[in-house]
Amino acid sequence: MDWLREPGFFGTHATTGADLSQLMATLFTSLFILGWVQARKRNADAHHWLMFGGMMSMLSFFIVYYLFRQLGVLAVEGKEGFGGSQSLYDYVFIPVLTLHIFLVIIGLIMAVYMIVLGFRAQQFVDGARSLRESRLLTTWKRIGFIFSGIAVVVLGLFFSRVATVGFSMRKLEVYLVFLMVVASVFAIEMTIQRIWPDGAQRHRALGRFTMVIYCVLFVTGSFTYTMLYILYPGKIG
C-alpha cells in the first residue's frame, strides 16, 4: 500500500491516504444528510437506502483505516506531523483530535445499532416502507444467543484466514474490536429499550442524536485535516 504515502490529489501537503480519508468522510456524511432530509420528507425508502449506504461506507472505511494506518490524520504518530507551535498543538489540535477519536467510537457503535434498529422497526404496508408504531423489546437470553452465533462466525472467519495467510495480531484486534462493538450495541439496546419501548419513537430519537454525532465528526475531522495538511504541515505529507 505504498501508493497511500504518495502526494495527495487535493493539492495540499496531505498524502493520498489522507486525501482518500477526507473524501470518504465527505461521502458518507453527505449520504447521512441526504438520508436525514428524505426522512423529514417522509420518503422512508430513500431514507433507508441512503442511511444504510452511508453507514456501511463508514464502517468499511474505519475497518480499512485501522488496517492501513496511512489513511487519515497521522498526528497520533508524533509531534513531527504538526508544523505549528507547541501551545497550538497541545491546547487546540490535540483536544480537537481527542474529541474526534472519542466521537468515532460512539459513531461506530451507533452506526451498527441504527442499522439493526432500522431493520427491526420497519414494516411494509401495501409495498411502502414505514416505521412500526409498537413496542420493540428483546431479552438477554435472545441477545446471548445472537451474540454467541456472531462470535462463532467472526472467530471462524479469523481462524480460516490464519490457516491460509498466517497469524496477524492487528487482524485479530480488528475482529475482537468488532465483537466489542457488537456487545456494546446489545448493551445499549437493553438500556435504551426501557426508555423508549416503542421502536419507531426510539429510532427517531436516536436518529437525531446520531446525526449530530456524524456532523460533529465531519467538522472535527475536517478541522484536523486543515490544520495538519494546509495551515501547519509538518514532516508528514
C-alpha atoms as a PDB file:
ATOM      1  CA  MET A   1       0.000   0.000   0.000  1.00  0.00           C
ATOM      2  CA  ASP A   2       2.935   2.367  -0.666  1.00  0.00           C
ATOM      3  CA  TRP A   3       0.779   4.449  -3.011  1.00  0.00           C
ATOM      4  CA  LEU A   4      -1.148   5.722   0.040  1.00  0.00           C
ATOM      5  CA  ARG A   5       2.000   7.566   1.135  1.00  0.00           C
ATOM      6  CA  GLU A   6       2.343   9.421  -2.176  1.00  0.00           C
ATOM      7  CA  PRO A   7       1.298  13.106  -2.515  1.00  0.00           C
ATOM      8  CA  GLY A   8      -2.473  13.527  -2.375  1.00  0.00           C
ATOM      9  CA  PHE A   9      -4.902  14.595  -5.076  1.00  0.00           C
ATOM     10  CA  PHE A  10      -6.351  17.688  -3.324  1.00  0.00           C
ATOM     11  CA  GLY A  11      -3.169  19.715  -3.829  1.00  0.00           C
ATOM     12  CA  THR A  12      -2.380  20.094  -0.113  1.00  0.00           C
ATOM     13  CA  HIS A  13       0.529  18.682   1.911  1.00  0.00           C
ATOM     14  CA  ALA A  14      -1.521  15.541   2.588  1.00  0.00           C
ATOM     15  CA  THR A  15      -0.773  12.030   1.371  1.00  0.00           C
ATOM     16  CA  THR A  16      -3.069  10.105  -0.943  1.00  0.00           C
ATOM     17  CA  GLY A  17      -4.291   8.131   2.074  1.00  0.00           C
ATOM     18  CA  ALA A  18      -5.189  11.291   3.991  1.00  0.00           C
ATOM     19  CA  ASP A  19      -6.996  12.772   0.978  1.00  0.00           C
ATOM     20  CA  LEU A  20      -8.854   9.498   0.469  1.00  0.00           C
ATOM     21  CA  SER A  21      -9.817   9.592   4.138  1.00  0.00           C
ATOM     22  CA  GLN A  22     -11.224  13.114   3.796  1.00  0.00           C
ATOM     23  CA  LEU A  23     -13.035  12.200   0.592  1.00  0.00           C
ATOM     24  CA  MET A  24     -14.692   9.177   2.203  1.00  0.00           C
ATOM     25  CA  ALA A  25     -15.715  11.228   5.242  1.00  0.00           C
ATOM     26  CA  THR A  26     -17.332  13.764   2.917  1.00  0.00           C
ATOM     27  CA  LEU A  27     -19.086  10.977   1.021  1.00  0.00           C
ATOM     28  CA  PHE A  28     -20.731   9.194   3.933  1.00  0.00           C
ATOM     29  CA  THR A  29     -21.557  12.443   5.744  1.00  0.00           C
ATOM     30  CA  SER A  30     -23.302  13.665   2.587  1.00  0.00           C
ATOM     31  CA  LEU A  31     -25.254  10.404   2.404  1.00  0.00           C
ATOM     32  CA  PHE A  32     -26.305  10.844   6.039  1.00  0.00           C
ATOM     33  CA  ILE A  33     -27.512  14.400   5.446  1.00  0.00           C
ATOM     34  CA  LEU A  34     -29.407  13.402   2.295  1.00  0.00           C
ATOM     35  CA  GLY A  35     -30.932  10.485   4.182  1.00  0.00           C
ATOM     36  CA  TRP A  36     -31.984  12.786   7.009  1.00  0.00           C
ATOM     37  CA  VAL A  37     -33.604  15.169   4.518  1.00  0.00           C
ATOM     38  CA  GLN A  38     -35.542  12.263   2.993  1.00  0.00           C
ATOM     39  CA  ALA A  39     -36.722  11.230   6.459  1.00  0.00           C
ATOM     40  CA  ARG A  40     -38.027  14.736   7.070  1.00  0.00           C
ATOM     41  CA  LYS A  41     -39.911  14.494   3.766  1.00  0.00           C
ATOM     42  CA  ARG A  42     -41.371  11.110   4.838  1.00  0.00           C
ATOM     43  CA  ASN A  43     -39.614   9.322   1.965  1.00  0.00           C
ATOM     44  CA  ALA A  44     -38.907   6.210   4.036  1.00  0.00           C
ATOM     45  CA  ASP A  45     -37.468   4.047   1.259  1.00  0.00           C
ATOM     46  CA  ALA A  46     -34.987   6.691   0.069  1.00  0.00           C
ATOM     47  CA  HIS A  47     -34.058   7.422   3.701  1.00  0.00           C
ATOM     48  CA  HIS A  48     -33.451   3.725   4.381  1.00  0.00           C
ATOM     49  CA  TRP A  49     -31.077   3.155   1.475  1.00  0.00           C
ATOM     50  CA  LEU A  50     -29.194   6.438   1.846  1.00  0.00           C
ATOM     51  CA  MET A  51     -28.574   5.864   5.552  1.00  0.00           C
ATOM     52  CA  PHE A  52     -27.748   2.189   5.052  1.00  0.00           C
ATOM     53  CA  GLY A  53     -25.286   3.068   2.283  1.00  0.00           C
ATOM     54  CA  GLY A  54     -23.701   5.792   4.396  1.00  0.00           C
ATOM     55  CA  MET A  55     -23.333   3.580   7.452  1.00  0.00           C
ATOM     56  CA  MET A  56     -21.878   0.658   5.511  1.00  0.00           C
ATOM     57  CA  SER A  57     -19.440   3.058   3.812  1.00  0.00           C
ATOM     58  CA  MET A  58     -18.404   4.430   7.199  1.00  0.00           C
ATOM     59  CA  LEU A  59     -17.951   1.008   8.771  1.00  0.00           C
ATOM     60  CA  SER A  60     -15.941  -0.243   5.779  1.00  0.00           C
ATOM     61  CA  PHE A  61     -13.796   2.877   5.833  1.00  0.00           C
ATOM     62  CA  PHE A  62     -12.911   2.605   9.518  1.00  0.00           C
ATOM     63  CA  ILE A  63     -12.011  -1.064   9.169  1.00  0.00           C
ATOM     64  CA  VAL A  64      -9.625  -0.164   6.335  1.00  0.00           C
ATOM     65  CA  TYR A  65      -8.405   2.843   8.360  1.00  0.00           C
ATOM     66  CA  TYR A  66      -7.425   0.546  11.215  1.00  0.00           C
ATOM     67  CA  LEU A  67      -5.699  -1.985   8.972  1.00  0.00           C
ATOM     68  CA  PHE A  68      -3.764   0.620   6.942  1.00  0.00           C
ATOM     69  CA  ARG A  69      -2.540   3.430   9.192  1.00  0.00           C
ATOM     70  CA  GLN A  70      -1.533   5.508   6.147  1.00  0.00           C
ATOM     71  CA  LEU A  71      -5.143   6.674   5.948  1.00  0.00           C
ATOM     72  CA  GLY A  72      -6.407   9.698   7.804  1.00  0.00           C
ATOM     73  CA  VAL A  73      -4.779  12.111  10.212  1.00  0.00           C
ATOM     74  CA  LEU A  74      -1.307  10.939  11.201  1.00  0.00           C
ATOM     75  CA  ALA A  75      -0.884  13.169  14.244  1.00  0.00           C
ATOM     76  CA  VAL A  76      -1.038  10.129  16.504  1.00  0.00           C
ATOM     77  CA  GLU A  77       2.362   9.159  15.099  1.00  0.00           C
ATOM     78  CA  GLY A  78       4.009  12.082  16.889  1.00  0.00           C
ATOM     79  CA  LYS A  79       4.533  15.844  17.044  1.00  0.00           C
ATOM     80  CA  GLU A  80       6.580  15.795  13.826  1.00  0.00           C
ATOM     81  CA  GLY A  81       3.338  15.529  11.872  1.00  0.00           C
ATOM     82  CA  PHE A  82       2.271  19.005  13.018  1.00  0.00           C
ATOM     83  CA  GLY A  83       4.169  22.144  11.995  1.00  0.00           C
ATOM     84  CA  GLY A  84       2.548  24.663  14.335  1.00  0.00           C
ATOM     85  CA  SER A  85       3.651  25.849  17.758  1.00  0.00           C
ATOM     86  CA  GLN A  86       3.733  23.548  20.769  1.00  0.00           C
ATOM     87  CA  SER A  87       0.966  25.503  22.542  1.00  0.00           C
ATOM     88  CA  LEU A  88      -1.287  25.288  19.472  1.00  0.00           C
ATOM     89  CA  TYR A  89      -0.570  21.583  19.273  1.00  0.00           C
ATOM     90  CA  ASP A  90      -1.248  20.975  22.984  1.00  0.00           C
ATOM     91  CA  TYR A  91      -4.278  23.211  23.536  1.00  0.00           C
ATOM     92  CA  VAL A  92      -6.061  23.227  20.172  1.00  0.00           C
ATOM     93  CA  PHE A  93      -5.031  20.409  17.866  1.00  0.00           C
ATOM     94  CA  ILE A  94      -4.800  17.549  20.384  1.00  0.00           C
ATOM     95  CA  PRO A  95      -8.099  18.381  22.180  1.00  0.00           C
ATOM     96  CA  VAL A  96      -9.968  18.501  18.863  1.00  0.00           C
ATOM     97  CA  LEU A  97      -8.301  15.288  17.683  1.00  0.00           C
ATOM     98  CA  THR A  98      -9.127  13.583  21.002  1.00  0.00           C
ATOM     99  CA  LEU A  99     -12.772  14.642  20.698  1.00  0.00           C
ATOM    100  CA  HIS A 100     -12.791  13.338  17.127  1.00  0.00           C
ATOM    101  CA  ILE A 101     -11.431   9.924  18.144  1.00  0.00           C
ATOM    102  CA  PHE A 102     -13.935   9.706  21.028  1.00  0.00           C
ATOM    103  CA  LEU A 103     -16.819  10.502  18.677  1.00  0.00           C
ATOM    104  CA  VAL A 104     -15.525   7.928  16.180  1.00  0.00           C
ATOM    105  CA  ILE A 105     -16.006   5.209  18.805  1.00  0.00           C
ATOM    106  CA  ILE A 106     -19.538   6.418  19.587  1.00  0.00           C
ATOM    107  CA  GLY A 107     -20.284   6.812  15.867  1.00  0.00           C
ATOM    108  CA  LEU A 108     -19.223   3.250  15.079  1.00  0.00           C
ATOM    109  CA  ILE A 109     -21.379   1.820  17.859  1.00  0.00           C
ATOM    110  CA  MET A 110     -24.372   3.931  16.838  1.00  0.00           C
ATOM    111  CA  ALA A 111     -23.909   3.026  13.159  1.00  0.00           C
ATOM    112  CA  VAL A 112     -24.225  -0.687  13.907  1.00  0.00           C
ATOM    113  CA  TYR A 113     -27.076  -0.072  16.351  1.00  0.00           C
ATOM    114  CA  MET A 114     -29.082   2.125  13.963  1.00  0.00           C
ATOM    115  CA  ILE A 115     -28.693  -0.389  11.116  1.00  0.00           C
ATOM    116  CA  VAL A 116     -30.086  -3.168  13.313  1.00  0.00           C
ATOM    117  CA  LEU A 117     -32.817  -0.951  14.795  1.00  0.00           C
ATOM    118  CA  GLY A 118     -33.852   0.309  11.373  1.00  0.00           C
ATOM    119  CA  PHE A 119     -34.420  -3.213  10.074  1.00  0.00           C
ATOM    120  CA  ARG A 120     -36.205  -4.297  13.259  1.00  0.00           C
ATOM    121  CA  ALA A 121     -38.537  -1.294  13.420  1.00  0.00           C
ATOM    122  CA  GLN A 122     -39.533  -1.171   9.757  1.00  0.00           C
ATOM    123  CA  GLN A 123     -42.698  -2.548   8.211  1.00  0.00           C
ATOM    124  CA  PHE A 124     -44.201  -2.722   4.736  1.00  0.00           C
ATOM    125  CA  VAL A 125     -47.791  -1.636   4.169  1.00  0.00           C
ATOM    126  CA  ASP A 126     -49.008  -2.102   0.597  1.00  0.00           C
ATOM    127  CA  GLY A 127     -45.391  -2.217  -0.532  1.00  0.00           C
ATOM    128  CA  ALA A 128     -44.489   1.053   1.209  1.00  0.00           C
ATOM    129  CA  ARG A 129     -41.775   1.103   3.890  1.00  0.00           C
ATOM    130  CA  SER A 130     -42.557   2.802   7.212  1.00  0.00           C
ATOM    131  CA  LEU A 131     -41.775   2.589  10.932  1.00  0.00           C
ATOM    132  CA  ARG A 132     -43.875   0.269  13.065  1.00  0.00           C
ATOM    133  CA  GLU A 133     -45.509   2.196  15.921  1.00  0.00           C
ATOM    134  CA  SER A 134     -45.359  -0.575  18.535  1.00  0.00           C
ATOM    135  CA  ARG A 135     -43.292  -1.965  21.390  1.00  0.00           C
ATOM    136  CA  LEU A 136     -39.956  -3.371  20.247  1.00  0.00           C
ATOM    137  CA  LEU A 137     -38.256  -5.251  23.053  1.00  0.00           C
ATOM    138  CA  THR A 138     -35.777  -8.080  23.375  1.00  0.00           C
ATOM    139  CA  THR A 139     -34.371 -10.255  26.177  1.00  0.00           C
ATOM    140  CA  TRP A 140     -30.899 -11.062  27.497  1.00  0.00           C
ATOM    141  CA  LYS A 141     -31.438 -14.694  26.531  1.00  0.00           C
ATOM    142  CA  ARG A 142     -32.077 -13.793  22.920  1.00  0.00           C
ATOM    143  CA  ILE A 143     -29.160 -11.369  22.867  1.00  0.00           C
ATOM    144  CA  GLY A 144     -26.839 -14.035  24.305  1.00  0.00           C
ATOM    145  CA  PHE A 145     -27.939 -16.487  21.637  1.00  0.00           C
ATOM    146  CA  ILE A 146     -27.435 -13.988  18.808  1.00  0.00           C
ATOM    147  CA  PHE A 147     -24.076 -12.755  20.119  1.00  0.00           C
ATOM    148  CA  SER A 148     -22.793 -16.318  20.513  1.00  0.00           C
ATOM    149  CA  GLY A 149     -23.716 -17.042  16.906  1.00  0.00           C
ATOM    150  CA  ILE A 150     -21.985 -13.877  15.688  1.00  0.00           C
ATOM    151  CA  ALA A 151     -18.880 -14.663  17.749  1.00  0.00           C
ATOM    152  CA  VAL A 152     -18.658 -18.177  16.286  1.00  0.00           C
ATOM    153  CA  VAL A 153     -18.920 -16.829  12.734  1.00  0.00           C
ATOM    154  CA  VAL A 154     -16.417 -13.989  13.289  1.00  0.00           C
ATOM    155  CA  LEU A 155     -13.823 -16.148  15.035  1.00  0.00           C
ATOM    156  CA  GLY A 156     -14.361 -18.849  12.421  1.00  0.00           C
ATOM    157  CA  LEU A 157     -13.544 -16.332   9.696  1.00  0.00           C
ATOM    158  CA  PHE A 158     -10.448 -15.218  11.593  1.00  0.00           C
ATOM    159  CA  PHE A 159      -9.056 -18.723  12.093  1.00  0.00           C
ATOM    160  CA  SER A 160      -9.810 -19.615   8.471  1.00  0.00           C
ATOM    161  CA  ARG A 161      -7.634 -16.645   7.450  1.00  0.00           C
ATOM    162  CA  VAL A 162      -4.934 -17.748   9.897  1.00  0.00           C
ATOM    163  CA  ALA A 163      -4.874 -21.129   8.180  1.00  0.00           C
ATOM    164  CA  THR A 164      -4.385 -19.538   4.742  1.00  0.00           C
ATOM    165  CA  VAL A 165      -2.305 -16.369   5.292  1.00  0.00           C
ATOM    166  CA  GLY A 166      -0.907 -16.830   8.800  1.00  0.00           C
ATOM    167  CA  PHE A 167      -1.473 -15.165  12.168  1.00  0.00           C
ATOM    168  CA  SER A 168      -1.664 -11.362  12.426  1.00  0.00           C
ATOM    169  CA  MET A 169      -2.139  -9.576  15.753  1.00  0.00           C
ATOM    170  CA  ARG A 170      -3.542  -6.495  14.020  1.00  0.00           C
ATOM    171  CA  LYS A 171      -6.203  -8.540  12.235  1.00  0.00           C
ATOM    172  CA  LEU A 172      -7.062 -10.313  15.491  1.00  0.00           C
ATOM    173  CA  GLU A 173      -7.520  -6.917  17.131  1.00  0.00           C
ATOM    174  CA  VAL A 174      -9.888  -5.871  14.304  1.00  0.00           C
ATOM    175  CA  TYR A 175     -12.053  -8.969  14.812  1.00  0.00           C
ATOM    176  CA  LEU A 176     -12.080  -8.520  18.597  1.00  0.00           C
ATOM    177  CA  VAL A 177     -12.919  -4.808  18.297  1.00  0.00           C
ATOM    178  CA  PHE A 178     -15.812  -5.749  16.018  1.00  0.00           C
ATOM    179  CA  LEU A 179     -17.132  -8.158  18.657  1.00  0.00           C
ATOM    180  CA  MET A 180     -16.745  -5.451  21.312  1.00  0.00           C
ATOM    181  CA  VAL A 181     -18.761  -3.046  19.163  1.00  0.00           C
ATOM    182  CA  VAL A 182     -21.492  -5.663  18.742  1.00  0.00           C
ATOM    183  CA  ALA A 183     -21.515  -6.315  22.507  1.00  0.00           C
ATOM    184  CA  SER A 184     -21.772  -2.563  23.152  1.00  0.00           C
ATOM    185  CA  VAL A 185     -24.696  -2.331  20.743  1.00  0.00           C
ATOM    186  CA  PHE A 186     -26.561  -5.074  22.612  1.00  0.00           C
ATOM    187  CA  ALA A 187     -25.845  -3.422  25.979  1.00  0.00           C
ATOM    188  CA  ILE A 188     -27.170  -0.114  24.641  1.00  0.00           C
ATOM    189  CA  GLU A 189     -30.269  -1.849  23.308  1.00  0.00           C
ATOM    190  CA  MET A 190     -31.121  -3.332  26.703  1.00  0.00           C
ATOM    191  CA  THR A 191     -30.733   0.076  28.373  1.00  0.00           C
ATOM    192  CA  ILE A 192     -32.460   2.274  25.804  1.00  0.00           C
ATOM    193  CA  GLN A 193     -35.453  -0.003  25.208  1.00  0.00           C
ATOM    194  CA  ARG A 194     -36.558   0.760  28.748  1.00  0.00           C
ATOM    195  CA  ILE A 195     -36.600   4.490  27.967  1.00  0.00           C
ATOM    196  CA  TRP A 196     -38.221   4.186  24.517  1.00  0.00           C
ATOM    197  CA  PRO A 197     -40.070   0.854  24.340  1.00  0.00           C
ATOM    198  CA  ASP A 198     -41.766   1.978  21.119  1.00  0.00           C
ATOM    199  CA  GLY A 199     -39.479   1.070  18.204  1.00  0.00           C
ATOM    200  CA  ALA A 200     -40.476   3.977  15.954  1.00  0.00           C
ATOM    201  CA  GLN A 201     -40.034   6.547  18.721  1.00  0.00           C
ATOM    202  CA  ARG A 202     -36.647   5.047  19.621  1.00  0.00           C
ATOM    203  CA  HIS A 203     -35.495   5.155  16.008  1.00  0.00           C
ATOM    204  CA  ARG A 204     -36.450   8.821  15.568  1.00  0.00           C
ATOM    205  CA  ALA A 205     -34.918   9.968  18.878  1.00  0.00           C
ATOM    206  CA  LEU A 206     -31.646   8.112  18.407  1.00  0.00           C
ATOM    207  CA  GLY A 207     -31.551   9.076  14.738  1.00  0.00           C
ATOM    208  CA  ARG A 208     -31.383  12.757  15.690  1.00  0.00           C
ATOM    209  CA  PHE A 209     -28.634  12.062  18.222  1.00  0.00           C
ATOM    210  CA  THR A 210     -26.636  10.001  15.718  1.00  0.00           C
ATOM    211  CA  MET A 211     -26.944  12.682  13.030  1.00  0.00           C
ATOM    212  CA  VAL A 212     -25.442  15.251  15.411  1.00  0.00           C
ATOM    213  CA  ILE A 213     -22.546  12.856  16.109  1.00  0.00           C
ATOM    214  CA  TYR A 214     -21.879  12.350  12.396  1.00  0.00           C
ATOM    215  CA  CYS A 215     -21.935  16.080  11.630  1.00  0.00           C
ATOM    216  CA  VAL A 216     -19.584  16.921  14.520  1.00  0.00           C
ATOM    217  CA  LEU A 217     -17.324  14.080  13.388  1.00  0.00           C
ATOM    218  CA  PHE A 218     -17.066  15.630   9.939  1.00  0.00           C
ATOM    219  CA  VAL A 219     -16.356  19.088  11.350  1.00  0.00           C
ATOM    220  CA  THR A 220     -13.639  17.890  13.745  1.00  0.00           C
ATOM    221  CA  GLY A 221     -12.105  15.647  11.082  1.00  0.00           C
ATOM    222  CA  SER A 222     -12.024  18.487   8.552  1.00  0.00           C
ATOM    223  CA  PHE A 223     -10.556  20.790  11.211  1.00  0.00           C
ATOM    224  CA  THR A 224      -7.661  18.436  11.975  1.00  0.00           C
ATOM    225  CA  TYR A 225      -7.083  17.834   8.246  1.00  0.00           C
ATOM    226  CA  THR A 226      -6.922  21.598   7.613  1.00  0.00           C
ATOM    227  CA  MET A 227      -4.508  22.233  10.478  1.00  0.00           C
ATOM    228  CA  LEU A 228      -2.272  19.275   9.699  1.00  0.00           C
ATOM    229  CA  TYR A 229      -2.070  19.467   5.906  1.00  0.00           C
ATOM    230  CA  ILE A 230      -2.911  23.064   4.969  1.00  0.00           C
ATOM    231  CA  LEU A 231      -2.223  25.553   7.767  1.00  0.00           C
ATOM    232  CA  TYR A 232       0.575  23.854   9.714  1.00  0.00           C
ATOM    233  CA  PRO A 233       2.092  20.986   7.678  1.00  0.00           C
ATOM    234  CA  GLY A 234       4.942  19.138   9.322  1.00  0.00           C
ATOM    235  CA  LYS A 235       7.310  16.422   8.189  1.00  0.00           C
ATOM    236  CA  ILE A 236       4.479  14.120   7.140  1.00  0.00           C
ATOM    237  CA  GLY A 237       2.983  14.699   3.690  1.00  0.00           C
END
